[in-house]
Amino acid sequence: MANDGEGKGPDVSADADVEIGTNAELERDEKAAPGLEEKDRFQVELELVQCLASPAYLHFLAQHMYLDDPDFVRYLEYLTYWKRPDYCKYIQFPHALHFLELLQDASFRAALKRPDYTLYLHQQQGYFWQYRVSSTL
């Protein structure tokens, strides 16, 4: 699997079964999610990435200082491997990937502490769904 500069996630086959990587990959990946089997880690990381589609959840993370924690920010950077085609096909909420990319920016993380900004994101997301659905009918 080619590495395009983004984090390397668990190896995933076409039928969503997780393949076991090399010992070096598993050892490095243990640092990202210690104590989890590869398939469990895949599921946990998928769930976390999909939660990022919710502006309310992003606001919660910001208000509780998770987005100020350098370790958590590095973990978010690691999760950018979900943007690769072999992983993004499992994402149900595409806004999660957009927000994951925006979370790499410190000013976006800081703005998420503001309720008015979170409301703005939620409204924009709603407009996207409203007009995207009506334009595809």
Protein backbone atom coordinates (compact mmCIF):
# COMPACT_ATOMS: atom_id res chain seq x y z
CA MET A 1 0.00 0.00 0.00
CA ALA A 2 1.50 3.33 -1.04
CA ASN A 3 1.94 5.97 1.60
CA ASP A 4 0.99 9.41 0.31
CA GLY A 5 2.15 11.31 3.40
CA GLU A 6 -1.02 10.64 5.36
CA GLY A 7 -1.19 8.36 8.39
CA LYS A 8 -1.17 4.63 7.71
CA GLY A 9 -4.19 2.82 9.04
CA PRO A 10 -5.01 -0.83 9.35
CA ASP A 11 -4.89 -2.91 6.17
CA VAL A 12 -8.40 -3.48 4.90
CA SER A 13 -9.45 -5.93 2.18
CA ALA A 14 -12.30 -5.27 -0.23
CA ASP A 15 -14.82 -7.18 1.91
CA ALA A 16 -14.09 -5.10 5.05
CA ASP A 17 -12.18 -7.90 6.81
CA VAL A 18 -9.01 -6.60 8.39
CA GLU A 19 -5.75 -8.17 7.33
CA ILE A 20 -2.89 -8.46 9.79
CA GLY A 21 0.09 -6.27 8.94
CA THR A 22 3.75 -6.82 9.64
CA ASN A 23 5.10 -6.83 13.20
CA ALA A 24 6.62 -3.39 12.65
CA GLU A 25 3.25 -2.00 11.49
CA LEU A 26 1.43 -3.55 14.41
CA GLU A 27 4.02 -2.28 16.88
CA ARG A 28 3.73 1.26 15.50
CA ASP A 29 -0.05 1.03 15.34
CA GLU A 30 -0.19 -0.09 18.98
CA LYS A 31 0.95 3.44 19.84
CA ALA A 32 -2.09 4.86 18.02
CA ALA A 33 -4.61 2.57 19.76
CA PRO A 34 -2.90 0.45 22.41
CA GLY A 35 -4.50 -2.82 23.43
CA LEU A 36 -6.82 -3.15 20.44
CA GLU A 37 -6.80 -5.92 17.89
CA GLU A 38 -6.50 -4.68 14.31
CA LYS A 39 -10.19 -5.25 13.43
CA ASP A 40 -11.33 -3.60 16.67
CA ARG A 41 -9.03 -0.64 16.04
CA PHE A 42 -10.48 -0.29 12.54
CA GLN A 43 -14.01 -0.16 13.96
CA VAL A 44 -13.13 2.25 16.78
CA GLU A 45 -11.30 4.62 14.44
CA LEU A 46 -14.11 4.46 11.87
CA GLU A 47 -16.64 5.36 14.56
CA LEU A 48 -14.51 8.25 15.82
CA VAL A 49 -13.95 9.64 12.32
CA GLN A 50 -17.69 9.46 11.60
CA CYS A 51 -18.46 11.30 14.84
CA LEU A 52 -16.41 14.19 13.46
CA ALA A 53 -19.28 14.90 11.02
CA SER A 54 -21.24 16.38 13.94
CA PRO A 55 -20.55 20.06 14.68
CA ALA A 56 -21.99 19.50 18.17
CA TYR A 57 -19.44 16.77 18.82
CA LEU A 58 -16.63 18.98 17.51
CA HIS A 59 -17.81 21.73 19.87
CA PHE A 60 -17.81 19.23 22.75
CA LEU A 61 -14.21 18.25 21.94
CA ALA A 62 -13.18 21.91 21.81
CA GLN A 63 -15.01 22.86 25.02
CA HIS A 64 -13.43 19.98 26.92
CA MET A 65 -9.95 20.95 25.68
CA TYR A 66 -9.33 17.77 23.65
CA LEU A 67 -8.47 19.91 20.64
CA ASP A 68 -5.82 21.70 22.71
CA ASP A 69 -4.07 18.44 23.59
CA PRO A 70 -1.03 17.94 21.28
CA ASP A 71 -1.37 14.15 21.56
CA PHE A 72 -5.00 14.26 20.44
CA VAL A 73 -4.14 16.63 17.58
CA ARG A 74 -1.44 14.18 16.44
CA TYR A 75 -3.98 11.39 16.65
CA LEU A 76 -6.32 13.40 14.40
CA GLU A 77 -3.44 13.84 11.97
CA TYR A 78 -2.87 10.07 12.05
CA LEU A 79 -6.56 9.52 11.24
CA THR A 80 -6.23 11.37 7.93
CA TYR A 81 -5.47 8.00 6.33
CA TRP A 82 -9.28 7.67 6.18
CA LYS A 83 -9.23 10.07 3.21
CA ARG A 84 -7.58 7.40 1.06
CA PRO A 85 -9.95 5.54 -1.32
CA ASP A 86 -9.40 2.13 0.28
CA TYR A 87 -10.70 3.54 3.59
CA CYS A 88 -13.12 6.37 2.71
CA LYS A 89 -15.49 3.89 1.08
CA TYR A 90 -16.50 2.89 4.63
CA ILE A 91 -17.43 6.44 5.66
CA GLN A 92 -21.19 7.07 5.78
CA PHE A 93 -20.94 10.81 6.52
CA PRO A 94 -18.61 12.56 4.04
CA HIS A 95 -18.58 15.75 6.14
CA ALA A 96 -16.49 13.78 8.63
CA LEU A 97 -13.57 13.73 6.20
CA HIS A 98 -13.91 17.43 5.47
CA PHE A 99 -13.99 18.30 9.16
CA LEU A 100 -11.07 15.94 9.79
CA GLU A 101 -9.07 17.95 7.26
CA LEU A 102 -10.16 21.25 8.81
CA LEU A 103 -9.18 20.00 12.28
CA GLN A 104 -5.56 20.06 11.13
CA ASP A 105 -5.79 23.88 11.30
CA ALA A 106 -5.32 25.45 14.75
CA SER A 107 -7.60 28.41 13.94
CA PHE A 108 -10.48 26.04 13.07
CA ARG A 109 -9.93 24.14 16.31
CA ALA A 110 -10.00 27.41 18.25
CA ALA A 111 -13.17 28.63 16.49
CA LEU A 112 -15.00 25.44 17.48
CA LYS A 113 -15.03 26.68 21.09
CA ARG A 114 -17.51 29.37 20.08
CA PRO A 115 -21.18 28.32 20.10
CA ASP A 116 -22.00 30.76 17.29
CA TYR A 117 -19.38 29.15 15.03
CA THR A 118 -20.69 25.68 15.82
CA LEU A 119 -24.22 26.85 14.97
CA TYR A 120 -22.89 28.32 11.70
CA LEU A 121 -21.27 24.97 10.79
CA HIS A 122 -24.48 23.11 11.61
CA GLN A 123 -26.53 25.50 9.46
CA GLN A 124 -24.12 25.22 6.53
CA GLN A 125 -24.21 21.45 6.81
CA GLY A 126 -28.02 21.55 6.76
CA TYR A 127 -28.02 23.79 3.68
CA PHE A 128 -25.68 21.38 1.94
CA TRP A 129 -28.00 18.45 2.62
CA GLN A 130 -31.10 20.44 1.68
CA TYR A 131 -29.83 21.69 -1.65
CA ARG A 132 -27.82 18.62 -2.57
CA VAL A 133 -30.83 16.36 -2.13
CA SER A 134 -33.18 18.67 -4.06
CA SER A 135 -30.70 19.06 -6.93
CA THR A 136 -30.31 15.29 -7.37
CA LEU A 137 -34.06 14.50 -7.58
